[in-house]
Amino acid sequence: MRSARDVHGEVYELVGIFTIAFLSYMLSYLIPSGSVGRVLGINVPCLGLALFGGIIYVFWISLAKEVFGKWRGVIVSALTVSFLLISEPWYGVTTPYYFGIFGFISFIAMGLLTEILNGGFGIVSCVLINWFAFVFFKGISLSASVATALIVVSFIVGYVFDKLAKKVPKIMLS
């Protein structure tokens, strides 16, 4: 039988995980990532995700793993995308009605790959899964040069913010 003291620790962990996921969710609305493409004149789906996904999502996924332990980042990823899907359809796409499933799958992949490999691979998987959905279901074509550049940039951004998140708990404890 578990001690009541263990339950308090689990409650704190649960509150911390929900808080981190909610912060990630709120950042997705506070950082105007969608408008960057319009300002730059680049019309590519998930541009904001590719450019800002490191700070908006990967950092928080990696931080959850560092603070709360293995697989907690995947939970944060699942909660974050759940908050996003509750608030609106995935990228505003309502047809097909199941388009949001790609959002959920992409975030689970991002959480898993961030925990197993690093945030660079995590964010790239998220972007690629979403691009696949847009190309297959919406017929959107992507320029190979722009897509390649965004994959490289998203990998770098994801990698950097993953490493940064791993340093935060160490800095705070010293």
Protein backbone atom coordinates (compact mmCIF):
# COMPACT_ATOMS: atom_id res chain seq x y z
CA MET A 1 0.00 0.00 0.00
CA ARG A 2 1.22 3.48 -0.82
CA SER A 3 1.97 6.10 1.74
CA ALA A 4 -0.08 9.31 1.77
CA ARG A 5 3.21 11.19 1.38
CA ASP A 6 3.69 9.57 -2.04
CA VAL A 7 0.29 10.82 -3.16
CA HIS A 8 1.26 14.45 -2.45
CA GLY A 9 4.28 14.08 -4.72
CA GLU A 10 2.08 12.67 -7.49
CA VAL A 11 -0.39 15.53 -7.11
CA TYR A 12 2.43 18.08 -7.40
CA GLU A 13 3.74 16.25 -10.47
CA LEU A 14 0.29 16.20 -12.07
CA VAL A 15 -0.24 19.91 -11.39
CA GLY A 16 3.24 20.65 -12.77
CA ILE A 17 2.62 18.64 -15.94
CA PHE A 18 -0.74 20.33 -16.56
CA THR A 19 0.84 23.74 -15.88
CA ILE A 20 3.67 23.14 -18.34
CA ALA A 21 1.23 21.89 -21.00
CA PHE A 22 -1.01 24.91 -20.44
CA LEU A 23 1.96 27.30 -20.73
CA SER A 24 2.90 25.66 -24.03
CA TYR A 25 -0.70 25.97 -25.22
CA MET A 26 -0.85 29.65 -24.24
CA LEU A 27 2.44 30.40 -26.00
CA SER A 28 0.97 29.03 -29.21
CA TYR A 29 -1.55 31.88 -29.06
CA LEU A 30 0.76 34.58 -27.73
CA ILE A 31 3.52 34.11 -30.32
CA PRO A 32 2.07 35.24 -33.64
CA SER A 33 3.74 32.46 -35.59
CA GLY A 34 1.05 32.29 -38.28
CA SER A 35 1.47 35.94 -39.21
CA VAL A 36 5.21 35.52 -39.81
CA GLY A 37 4.51 33.72 -43.09
CA ARG A 38 2.19 36.47 -44.24
CA VAL A 39 4.75 39.17 -43.39
CA LEU A 40 7.56 37.28 -45.15
CA GLY A 41 5.33 36.40 -48.09
CA ILE A 42 5.88 32.67 -47.57
CA ASN A 43 2.74 30.58 -47.91
CA VAL A 44 3.75 27.24 -46.40
CA PRO A 45 1.57 25.25 -44.01
CA CYS A 46 3.05 24.90 -40.52
CA LEU A 47 5.63 27.63 -41.09
CA GLY A 48 5.13 28.93 -37.56
CA LEU A 49 5.43 25.40 -36.19
CA ALA A 50 8.71 24.93 -38.06
CA LEU A 51 10.16 28.28 -36.95
CA PHE A 52 8.81 28.64 -33.41
CA GLY A 53 7.99 25.05 -32.40
CA GLY A 54 11.20 24.86 -30.41
CA ILE A 55 10.19 27.53 -27.91
CA ILE A 56 6.47 26.89 -28.07
CA TYR A 57 6.52 23.08 -27.75
CA VAL A 58 9.90 21.30 -27.63
CA PHE A 59 11.26 23.37 -24.74
CA TRP A 60 8.29 22.45 -22.55
CA ILE A 61 8.28 18.78 -23.55
CA SER A 62 11.97 18.49 -22.72
CA LEU A 63 11.59 20.49 -19.50
CA ALA A 64 8.83 18.14 -18.31
CA LYS A 65 11.09 15.15 -18.89
CA GLU A 66 13.96 16.79 -17.03
CA VAL A 67 11.87 17.91 -14.07
CA PHE A 68 9.37 15.06 -13.69
CA GLY A 69 11.04 12.07 -15.33
CA LYS A 70 10.87 9.82 -18.35
CA TRP A 71 7.75 9.94 -20.57
CA ARG A 72 6.40 13.04 -18.83
CA GLY A 73 7.29 15.05 -21.92
CA VAL A 74 5.06 12.79 -24.01
CA ILE A 75 2.23 13.46 -21.57
CA VAL A 76 2.83 17.22 -21.86
CA SER A 77 2.81 16.87 -25.64
CA ALA A 78 -0.50 14.97 -25.57
CA LEU A 79 -2.08 17.48 -23.18
CA THR A 80 -0.88 20.46 -25.22
CA VAL A 81 -2.34 19.15 -28.47
CA SER A 82 -5.53 18.22 -26.63
CA PHE A 83 -5.89 21.82 -25.42
CA LEU A 84 -5.24 23.03 -28.97
CA LEU A 85 -7.82 20.66 -30.46
CA ILE A 86 -10.44 21.55 -27.85
CA SER A 87 -10.07 25.25 -28.63
CA GLU A 88 -10.35 25.01 -32.44
CA PRO A 89 -10.03 22.62 -35.40
CA TRP A 90 -6.49 21.69 -36.38
CA TYR A 91 -5.21 24.59 -38.51
CA GLY A 92 -8.87 25.52 -39.02
CA VAL A 93 -9.45 22.50 -41.27
CA THR A 94 -12.91 21.01 -40.81
CA THR A 95 -13.04 18.78 -43.89
CA PRO A 96 -12.24 15.96 -43.54
CA TYR A 97 -13.67 15.96 -40.04
CA TYR A 98 -10.86 13.70 -38.77
CA PHE A 99 -8.03 16.04 -39.88
CA GLY A 100 -7.26 16.79 -36.22
CA ILE A 101 -6.06 13.22 -35.77
CA PHE A 102 -2.92 14.23 -37.67
CA GLY A 103 -2.35 16.97 -35.12
CA PHE A 104 -2.60 14.49 -32.29
CA ILE A 105 -0.35 11.94 -34.01
CA SER A 106 2.21 14.62 -34.89
CA PHE A 107 2.42 15.83 -31.29
CA ILE A 108 2.76 12.32 -29.89
CA ALA A 109 5.58 11.71 -32.39
CA MET A 110 7.16 15.01 -31.36
CA GLY A 111 6.99 14.07 -27.69
CA LEU A 112 8.38 10.57 -28.24
CA LEU A 113 11.23 11.62 -30.51
CA THR A 114 12.13 14.55 -28.26
CA GLU A 115 12.42 12.18 -25.32
CA ILE A 116 14.16 9.35 -27.19
CA LEU A 117 16.48 11.32 -29.51
CA ASN A 118 16.26 15.11 -29.20
CA GLY A 119 13.96 18.04 -29.92
CA GLY A 120 15.33 18.52 -33.43
CA PHE A 121 13.98 15.16 -34.52
CA GLY A 122 10.81 15.77 -32.52
CA ILE A 123 9.83 19.02 -34.22
CA VAL A 124 10.82 17.77 -37.67
CA SER A 125 8.55 14.73 -37.25
CA CYS A 126 5.70 17.00 -36.19
CA VAL A 127 6.16 19.27 -39.20
CA LEU A 128 6.49 16.36 -41.66
CA ILE A 129 3.36 14.59 -40.40
CA ASN A 130 1.35 17.80 -40.73
CA TRP A 131 2.75 18.50 -44.18
CA PHE A 132 1.79 14.99 -45.24
CA ALA A 133 -1.77 15.66 -44.10
CA PHE A 134 -1.92 18.97 -45.97
CA VAL A 135 -0.47 17.50 -49.16
CA PHE A 136 -2.62 14.37 -49.10
CA PHE A 137 -5.95 15.81 -47.92
CA LYS A 138 -5.77 19.42 -49.06
CA GLY A 139 -3.69 19.09 -52.21
CA ILE A 140 -1.21 21.73 -51.08
CA SER A 141 2.14 21.51 -52.82
CA LEU A 142 5.43 22.44 -51.24
CA SER A 143 8.53 23.83 -52.91
CA ALA A 144 11.37 21.36 -52.34
CA SER A 145 13.85 24.13 -51.57
CA VAL A 146 11.57 25.88 -49.06
CA ALA A 147 10.61 22.57 -47.45
CA THR A 148 14.26 21.53 -47.12
CA ALA A 149 15.24 24.88 -45.64
CA LEU A 150 12.38 24.71 -43.13
CA ILE A 151 13.28 21.16 -42.13
CA VAL A 152 16.87 22.25 -41.44
CA VAL A 153 15.76 25.35 -39.53
CA SER A 154 13.16 23.44 -37.50
CA PHE A 155 15.73 20.78 -36.61
CA ILE A 156 18.18 23.43 -35.38
CA VAL A 157 15.51 25.30 -33.43
CA GLY A 158 14.19 22.10 -31.85
CA TYR A 159 17.68 20.91 -30.98
CA VAL A 160 18.69 24.22 -29.40
CA PHE A 161 15.56 24.54 -27.26
CA ASP A 162 15.80 20.90 -26.20
CA LYS A 163 19.35 21.51 -24.96
CA LEU A 164 18.29 24.76 -23.29
CA ALA A 165 15.45 23.01 -21.44
CA LYS A 166 17.91 20.43 -20.12
CA LYS A 167 20.06 23.21 -18.62
CA VAL A 168 17.23 25.07 -16.86
CA PRO A 169 16.76 22.64 -13.92
CA LYS A 170 20.54 22.49 -13.39
CA ILE A 171 20.80 26.28 -13.37
CA MET A 172 17.88 26.60 -10.96
CA LEU A 173 19.35 24.02 -8.56
CA SER A 174 22.82 25.58 -8.47
